[in-house]
Amino acid sequence: MSNYVGLGLTFDRQEDAEKAAARAKEIQAEVNSEEGTKVEFELFNHEDGHTLSIETLSKYVDEIDLGFDIANRIAASFPEMKMRFYMTWEGPTVMEAVSKNGRLYTLERVRDENGFFLADDGENSLLIEPADWGFYEIKGGEGIVPEGTTKIEDFGFWSSGALKSVVIPPSVTEIGRFAFARCPGLERVVIPDSVTTIGEGAFEGCTGLETISLPNTVNEIGMAAFEGCSKLASVVIPSSLDRIAPFAFSACTSLTTIEIPESVHVIERCAFSECSELIHAVIHSSIIKDSAFEDCSNLRSVEFGPSVSEIQFAAFIHTALREEDLPEHARVKPKDDDENEYMYKRPEGAEDDDLPF
């Protein structure tokens, strides 16, 4: 079984999505007749786009290869139609493709400062004009978001190696999923007060991002939104948030201090895991979930506010903290009391096989 959890085709026009869904039903009948193989489709309609999700299961081939083959079959049925194929797993997006003349071309990298994508279908390569495929333009390293835009689209600037800066207009209320993910040249972003939502993986893998300004209007930050931003040295968590999502700031290896305001009730699993340079944290959250600060190897000082009521198993494992550094009333005990020693950090000399998880 594959770990991937997202396969689909997106369309700008509803009528195109409906045509593709009808063709998908024909393919579904063909594929599901094969022993050990099952494919299901579901069409999601949104104001800003239409997605035909693809769920696959096969005993004989990798489900991802099967999903890509099915998407190619749909593209071949409508050579004049514009569609984009995406594939995601628990955190980052691992592949995206666009259709041209009935073939899906995998987007590989940005070629120049204007943001042209080099795409490949396994046999031929071509350049993709960003504006022609729902991507935003990049001129001289600056990302262009048109005035009046309310949402920066999912994957809008995804994997844009040419992107160095972007001005987000005050009309924007939402930054979509993976909108700026894997833009290694992006160094600084100012998010206007109009923004309330930062989507899953929005800035994942922005290895050059040094500063980010999060206004107090932001009430949702998605999973892995800033994961792997290895140069991000500081971030102020807005008081408008009530939850920090899983992996939200994981592997931000330049982060040295963090303060979690009282408004944040839950720090989800692995939210700050692998922040290897994190030394000090101030936490007012009620619940700190398992592995929230796992592998923060230099974390040796934490100030816990009086509202902290639950520290789950292994929340601070592989840190420099001692068990006695944690408020006793908040510690969640493992079911087997004999395993208490493993609760917050690895015992000296213990191997992975010795740990109870």
Protein backbone atom coordinates (compact mmCIF):
# COMPACT_ATOMS: atom_id res chain seq x y z
CA MET A 1 0.00 0.00 0.00
CA SER A 2 1.19 3.49 -0.78
CA ASN A 3 1.35 6.33 1.72
CA TYR A 4 -0.12 8.81 -0.75
CA VAL A 5 -3.49 10.24 0.17
CA GLY A 6 -4.35 12.63 -2.64
CA LEU A 7 -4.75 12.10 -6.38
CA GLY A 8 -6.93 14.20 -8.62
CA LEU A 9 -7.59 16.32 -11.67
CA THR A 10 -8.59 19.97 -11.40
CA PHE A 11 -10.52 22.00 -13.97
CA ASP A 12 -11.34 25.68 -14.37
CA ARG A 13 -14.75 25.00 -15.90
CA GLN A 14 -17.53 22.92 -14.37
CA GLU A 15 -18.64 21.55 -17.74
CA ASP A 16 -15.12 20.20 -18.32
CA ALA A 17 -15.11 18.55 -14.91
CA GLU A 18 -18.49 16.94 -15.61
CA LYS A 19 -17.30 15.58 -18.97
CA ALA A 20 -14.22 14.13 -17.26
CA ALA A 21 -16.39 12.61 -14.52
CA ALA A 22 -18.56 10.89 -17.15
CA ARG A 23 -15.45 9.47 -18.83
CA ALA A 24 -14.15 8.43 -15.40
CA LYS A 25 -17.26 6.26 -14.90
CA GLU A 26 -16.45 4.39 -18.11
CA ILE A 27 -12.85 3.89 -17.00
CA GLN A 28 -14.04 2.84 -13.56
CA ALA A 29 -16.11 0.02 -15.06
CA GLU A 30 -13.15 -1.13 -17.16
CA VAL A 31 -10.57 -1.04 -14.37
CA ASN A 32 -12.77 -2.48 -11.64
CA SER A 33 -13.40 -5.55 -13.80
CA GLU A 34 -9.75 -6.49 -13.29
CA GLU A 35 -9.19 -8.77 -10.31
CA GLY A 36 -7.46 -7.08 -7.36
CA THR A 37 -7.95 -3.54 -8.69
CA LYS A 38 -10.42 -0.91 -7.54
CA VAL A 39 -10.82 2.72 -8.57
CA GLU A 40 -13.28 5.27 -7.22
CA PHE A 41 -13.95 8.85 -8.31
CA GLU A 42 -15.66 11.79 -6.66
CA LEU A 43 -16.32 15.22 -8.12
CA PHE A 44 -15.98 18.25 -5.85
CA ASN A 45 -17.34 21.54 -7.14
CA HIS A 46 -16.07 24.83 -5.75
CA GLU A 47 -16.46 28.44 -6.78
CA ASP A 48 -12.75 28.64 -7.56
CA GLY A 49 -12.30 25.29 -9.30
CA HIS A 50 -13.51 21.73 -9.76
CA THR A 51 -11.65 18.60 -8.68
CA LEU A 52 -12.18 14.99 -9.72
CA SER A 53 -10.55 12.95 -6.98
CA ILE A 54 -9.09 9.54 -7.82
CA GLU A 55 -8.82 6.74 -5.25
CA THR A 56 -6.96 3.62 -6.35
CA LEU A 57 -6.16 0.19 -4.98
CA SER A 58 -4.25 -2.53 -6.77
CA LYS A 59 -2.51 -5.78 -5.90
CA TYR A 60 -0.35 -5.66 -8.99
CA VAL A 61 0.94 -2.14 -9.60
CA ASP A 62 1.75 0.91 -7.51
CA GLU A 63 -1.48 2.81 -6.90
CA ILE A 64 0.21 6.07 -7.90
CA ASP A 65 1.23 4.69 -11.29
CA LEU A 66 -2.31 3.44 -11.74
CA GLY A 67 -3.74 6.84 -10.81
CA PHE A 68 -1.43 8.65 -13.21
CA ASP A 69 -2.31 6.19 -15.98
CA ILE A 70 -6.03 6.79 -15.40
CA ALA A 71 -5.52 10.57 -15.42
CA ASN A 72 -3.65 10.20 -18.72
CA ARG A 73 -6.54 8.21 -20.17
CA ILE A 74 -8.95 10.99 -19.24
CA ALA A 75 -6.62 13.63 -20.73
CA ALA A 76 -6.32 11.61 -23.95
CA SER A 77 -10.12 11.61 -24.27
CA PHE A 78 -10.24 15.41 -24.28
CA PRO A 79 -7.11 16.78 -26.04
CA GLU A 80 -8.62 20.28 -26.21
CA MET A 81 -9.38 20.42 -22.50
CA LYS A 82 -7.14 22.09 -19.90
CA MET A 83 -6.66 20.10 -16.71
CA ARG A 84 -4.07 19.76 -13.97
CA PHE A 85 -3.13 16.55 -12.21
CA TYR A 86 -1.89 16.66 -8.63
CA MET A 87 -0.54 14.09 -6.24
CA THR A 88 -0.02 14.73 -2.52
CA TRP A 89 0.74 12.74 0.59
CA GLU A 90 0.68 13.50 4.33
CA GLY A 91 2.76 16.63 3.98
CA PRO A 92 4.31 17.96 0.77
CA THR A 93 3.09 17.77 -2.78
CA VAL A 94 5.29 15.38 -4.70
CA MET A 95 4.07 15.81 -8.26
CA GLU A 96 1.89 18.00 -10.42
CA ALA A 97 1.22 17.85 -14.14
CA VAL A 98 -0.71 19.77 -16.79
CA SER A 99 -2.42 18.52 -19.93
CA LYS A 100 -1.59 19.52 -23.48
CA ASN A 101 -2.83 17.86 -26.68
CA GLY A 102 -4.19 14.91 -24.73
CA ARG A 103 -1.02 14.20 -22.72
CA LEU A 104 -0.11 14.97 -19.11
CA TYR A 105 3.20 16.76 -18.73
CA THR A 106 4.92 16.52 -15.36
CA LEU A 107 6.08 19.90 -14.03
CA GLU A 108 9.72 19.57 -13.11
CA ARG A 109 11.28 22.97 -12.47
CA VAL A 110 11.19 26.67 -13.27
CA ARG A 111 13.46 27.59 -16.16
CA ASP A 112 13.94 31.35 -15.94
CA GLU A 113 13.04 34.53 -14.05
CA ASN A 114 9.71 34.78 -15.83
CA GLY A 115 8.62 31.57 -14.18
CA PHE A 116 8.29 29.29 -17.19
CA PHE A 117 7.88 25.65 -16.22
CA LEU A 118 9.78 22.88 -17.92
CA ALA A 119 7.34 20.00 -18.36
CA ASP A 120 7.92 16.44 -19.49
CA ASP A 121 5.59 13.62 -20.61
CA GLY A 122 8.27 10.94 -20.59
CA GLU A 123 9.08 11.44 -24.26
CA ASN A 124 8.95 15.15 -25.00
CA SER A 125 9.60 18.39 -23.09
CA LEU A 126 7.98 21.78 -23.45
CA LEU A 127 7.78 25.12 -21.69
CA ILE A 128 4.59 26.03 -19.86
CA GLU A 129 3.51 29.67 -19.66
CA PRO A 130 2.41 30.16 -16.02
CA ALA A 131 -0.51 32.47 -16.82
CA ASP A 132 -1.90 29.94 -19.32
CA TRP A 133 -2.31 27.27 -16.68
CA GLY A 134 -3.65 29.12 -13.68
CA PHE A 135 -0.20 29.82 -12.25
CA TYR A 136 0.71 33.38 -11.39
CA GLU A 137 3.26 35.34 -13.35
CA ILE A 138 6.76 36.11 -12.07
CA LYS A 139 8.57 39.14 -13.46
CA GLY A 140 12.12 39.94 -12.45
CA GLY A 141 11.78 37.61 -9.47
CA GLU A 142 8.60 39.26 -8.16
CA GLY A 143 5.38 37.29 -7.98
CA ILE A 144 2.38 39.10 -9.47
CA VAL A 145 -0.92 38.67 -7.62
CA PRO A 146 -3.60 40.74 -9.39
CA GLU A 147 -5.47 43.41 -7.43
CA GLY A 148 -8.88 42.21 -6.36
CA THR A 149 -7.71 38.62 -5.83
CA THR A 150 -9.40 37.08 -2.78
CA LYS A 151 -7.57 33.75 -2.76
CA ILE A 152 -4.06 32.88 -3.87
CA GLU A 153 -4.86 29.63 -5.64
CA ASP A 154 -3.70 26.19 -4.58
CA PHE A 155 -0.23 25.57 -6.06
CA GLY A 156 -0.27 29.15 -7.42
CA PHE A 157 3.50 29.72 -7.13
CA TRP A 158 4.39 26.13 -6.32
CA SER A 159 8.01 25.15 -7.05
CA SER A 160 8.86 28.56 -8.51
CA GLY A 161 12.62 28.69 -8.21
CA ALA A 162 12.59 32.18 -9.75
CA LEU A 163 10.35 33.68 -7.04
CA LYS A 164 12.20 36.02 -4.68
CA SER A 165 9.44 38.32 -3.42
CA VAL A 166 5.72 38.80 -3.63
CA VAL A 167 3.29 41.58 -2.76
CA ILE A 168 0.00 40.20 -1.46
CA PRO A 169 -2.80 42.72 -2.10
CA PRO A 170 -5.18 43.64 0.76
CA SER A 171 -8.07 41.95 -1.03
CA VAL A 172 -6.63 38.48 -0.30
CA THR A 173 -8.34 36.56 2.52
CA GLU A 174 -6.94 33.08 1.87
CA ILE A 175 -3.58 31.64 0.87
CA GLY A 176 -4.30 28.29 -0.77
CA ARG A 177 -2.78 24.86 -0.30
CA PHE A 178 0.91 24.71 -1.31
CA ALA A 179 0.55 28.20 -2.82
CA PHE A 180 4.23 29.07 -2.22
CA ALA A 181 5.57 25.59 -1.42
CA ARG A 182 9.09 24.75 -2.54
CA CYS A 183 10.06 28.28 -3.57
CA PRO A 184 13.68 28.22 -2.35
CA GLY A 185 14.46 31.82 -3.37
CA LEU A 186 11.56 33.38 -1.44
CA GLU A 187 13.11 35.30 1.47
CA ARG A 188 10.43 37.52 2.95
CA VAL A 189 6.64 37.65 2.93
CA VAL A 190 4.34 40.26 4.44
CA ILE A 191 0.83 38.95 4.88
CA PRO A 192 -1.85 41.69 4.99
CA ASP A 193 -4.46 42.00 7.74
CA SER A 194 -7.13 40.79 5.33
CA VAL A 195 -5.82 37.19 5.41
CA THR A 196 -7.66 34.75 7.69
CA THR A 197 -6.54 31.37 6.31
CA ILE A 198 -3.13 29.95 5.40
CA GLY A 199 -3.62 26.59 3.72
CA GLU A 200 -1.92 23.24 4.08
CA GLY A 201 1.72 23.33 3.03
CA ALA A 202 1.40 26.95 1.90
CA PHE A 203 5.10 27.74 2.48
CA GLU A 204 6.43 24.19 2.89
CA GLY A 205 10.03 23.82 1.80
CA CYS A 206 10.72 27.56 1.37
CA THR A 207 14.31 27.07 2.45
CA GLY A 208 15.26 30.73 1.90
CA LEU A 209 12.39 32.24 3.91
CA GLU A 210 13.89 34.23 6.78
CA THR A 211 10.97 36.27 8.11
CA ILE A 212 7.20 35.98 8.01
CA SER A 213 4.68 38.44 9.39
CA LEU A 214 1.47 36.79 10.60
CA PRO A 215 -1.30 39.30 11.40
CA ASN A 216 -3.78 38.80 14.22
CA THR A 217 -6.51 38.18 11.67
CA VAL A 218 -5.16 34.71 10.80
CA ASN A 219 -7.34 32.10 12.49
CA GLU A 220 -6.23 29.02 10.58
CA ILE A 221 -2.78 27.74 9.66
CA GLY A 222 -2.90 24.41 7.84
CA MET A 223 -0.87 21.27 8.32
CA ALA A 224 2.81 21.61 7.37
CA ALA A 225 2.24 25.25 6.37
CA PHE A 226 5.84 26.23 7.18
CA GLU A 227 7.47 22.80 7.38
CA GLY A 228 11.09 22.77 6.28
CA CYS A 229 11.56 26.57 6.27
CA SER A 230 15.12 26.03 7.44
CA LYS A 231 16.14 29.73 7.56
CA LEU A 232 13.07 30.97 9.41
CA ALA A 233 14.66 32.43 12.55
CA SER A 234 11.62 33.91 14.26
CA VAL A 235 7.86 33.84 14.07
CA VAL A 236 5.17 35.52 16.15
CA ILE A 237 2.14 33.27 16.64
CA PRO A 238 -0.98 35.45 16.27
CA SER A 239 -3.44 35.61 19.17
CA SER A 240 -6.25 34.89 16.70
CA LEU A 241 -5.20 31.23 16.43
CA ASP A 242 -6.74 28.54 18.62
CA ARG A 243 -4.77 25.59 17.23
CA ILE A 244 -1.35 24.93 15.74
CA ALA A 245 -1.73 22.22 13.12
CA PRO A 246 0.40 19.07 12.79
CA PHE A 247 3.87 19.72 11.35
CA ALA A 248 3.03 23.44 10.99
CA PHE A 249 6.57 24.56 11.88
CA SER A 250 8.36 21.21 11.77
CA ALA A 251 12.01 21.25 10.69
CA CYS A 252 12.34 25.03 11.02
CA THR A 253 15.95 24.49 12.00
CA SER A 254 16.88 28.17 12.53
CA LEU A 255 14.06 28.86 14.99
CA THR A 256 15.56 29.53 18.44
CA THR A 257 12.62 30.74 20.54
CA ILE A 258 8.85 30.49 20.34
CA GLU A 259 5.97 31.84 22.40
CA ILE A 260 2.55 30.24 22.19
CA PRO A 261 -0.21 32.65 23.31
CA GLU A 262 -3.15 31.72 25.54
CA SER A 263 -5.52 31.76 22.58
CA VAL A 264 -3.90 28.59 21.23
CA HIS A 265 -5.64 25.73 23.07
CA VAL A 266 -3.98 22.83 21.25
CA ILE A 267 -0.49 22.25 19.88
CA GLU A 268 -0.96 19.31 17.53
CA ARG A 269 1.43 16.41 16.99
CA CYS A 270 4.82 17.25 15.54
CA ALA A 271 3.90 20.94 15.27
CA PHE A 272 7.47 21.97 16.17
CA SER A 273 9.28 18.65 15.72
CA GLU A 274 12.87 18.67 14.44
CA CYS A 275 13.40 22.36 15.26
CA SER A 276 16.95 21.47 16.21
CA GLU A 277 18.07 24.99 17.23
CA LEU A 278 15.04 25.73 19.38
CA ILE A 279 16.36 26.59 22.86
CA HIS A 280 13.50 28.28 24.70
CA ALA A 281 9.71 28.14 24.53
CA VAL A 282 6.87 29.85 26.38
CA ILE A 283 3.70 27.78 26.26
CA HIS A 284 0.22 28.77 27.43
CA SER A 285 -1.69 26.11 25.47
CA SER A 286 -3.98 23.73 27.34
CA ILE A 287 -3.03 20.60 25.39
CA ILE A 288 0.38 19.64 24.00
CA LYS A 289 -0.02 16.56 21.84
CA ASP A 290 2.36 13.67 21.28
CA SER A 291 5.66 14.45 19.58
CA ALA A 292 4.81 18.17 19.42
CA PHE A 293 8.45 19.07 20.17
CA GLU A 294 10.09 15.76 19.29
CA ASP A 295 13.74 15.96 18.21
CA CYS A 296 14.16 19.58 19.35
CA SER A 297 17.52 18.42 20.62
CA ASN A 298 18.62 21.79 22.08
CA LEU A 299 15.36 22.63 23.83
CA ARG A 300 16.35 23.00 27.47
CA SER A 301 14.07 25.74 28.78
CA VAL A 302 10.27 25.88 28.70
CA GLU A 303 8.00 28.22 30.63
CA PHE A 304 4.60 26.61 31.12
CA GLY A 305 1.61 28.87 31.76
CA PRO A 306 -1.03 27.97 34.35
CA SER A 307 -3.47 26.92 31.61
CA VAL A 308 -1.35 23.92 30.56
CA SER A 309 -3.45 20.89 31.55
CA GLU A 310 -2.32 18.00 29.33
CA ILE A 311 1.11 17.01 28.03
CA GLN A 312 0.73 13.89 25.96
CA PHE A 313 3.09 10.93 25.68
CA ALA A 314 6.45 11.74 24.04
CA ALA A 315 5.55 15.42 23.53
CA PHE A 316 9.12 16.39 24.42
CA ILE A 317 10.98 13.21 23.52
CA HIS A 318 14.57 13.65 22.30
CA THR A 319 14.93 17.12 23.83
CA ALA A 320 17.28 18.38 26.56
CA LEU A 321 14.41 18.61 29.06
CA ARG A 322 14.14 16.39 32.10
CA GLU A 323 10.87 14.90 33.22
CA GLU A 324 10.94 17.00 36.36
CA ASP A 325 11.01 20.13 34.15
CA LEU A 326 7.40 19.43 33.16
CA PRO A 327 4.39 20.27 35.35
CA GLU A 328 3.46 17.05 37.10
CA HIS A 329 -0.29 17.67 37.05
CA ALA A 330 -0.30 17.84 33.25
CA ARG A 331 1.64 14.67 32.43
CA VAL A 332 -0.38 12.00 30.67
CA LYS A 333 0.84 8.61 31.84
CA PRO A 334 1.22 5.59 29.53
CA LYS A 335 -1.13 2.71 30.29
CA ASP A 336 1.76 0.63 31.59
CA ASP A 337 3.35 2.43 34.54
CA ASP A 338 6.59 0.55 33.89
CA GLU A 339 7.02 2.63 30.75
CA ASN A 340 6.99 6.00 32.53
CA GLU A 341 10.72 6.44 31.95
CA TYR A 342 10.13 6.67 28.20
CA MET A 343 7.54 9.37 28.47
CA TYR A 344 9.30 12.59 27.55
CA LYS A 345 12.83 11.81 26.45
CA ARG A 346 14.93 8.87 25.39
CA PRO A 347 16.72 7.18 28.29
CA GLU A 348 20.51 7.16 27.93
CA GLY A 349 21.69 4.19 25.91
CA ALA A 350 18.20 3.19 24.75
CA GLU A 351 17.78 1.99 21.18
CA ASP A 352 14.73 2.62 19.02
CA ASP A 353 13.67 -1.02 19.45
CA ASP A 354 13.50 -0.45 23.21
CA LEU A 355 10.94 2.35 22.96
CA PRO A 356 7.25 1.56 23.46
CA PHE A 357 6.02 3.28 20.27
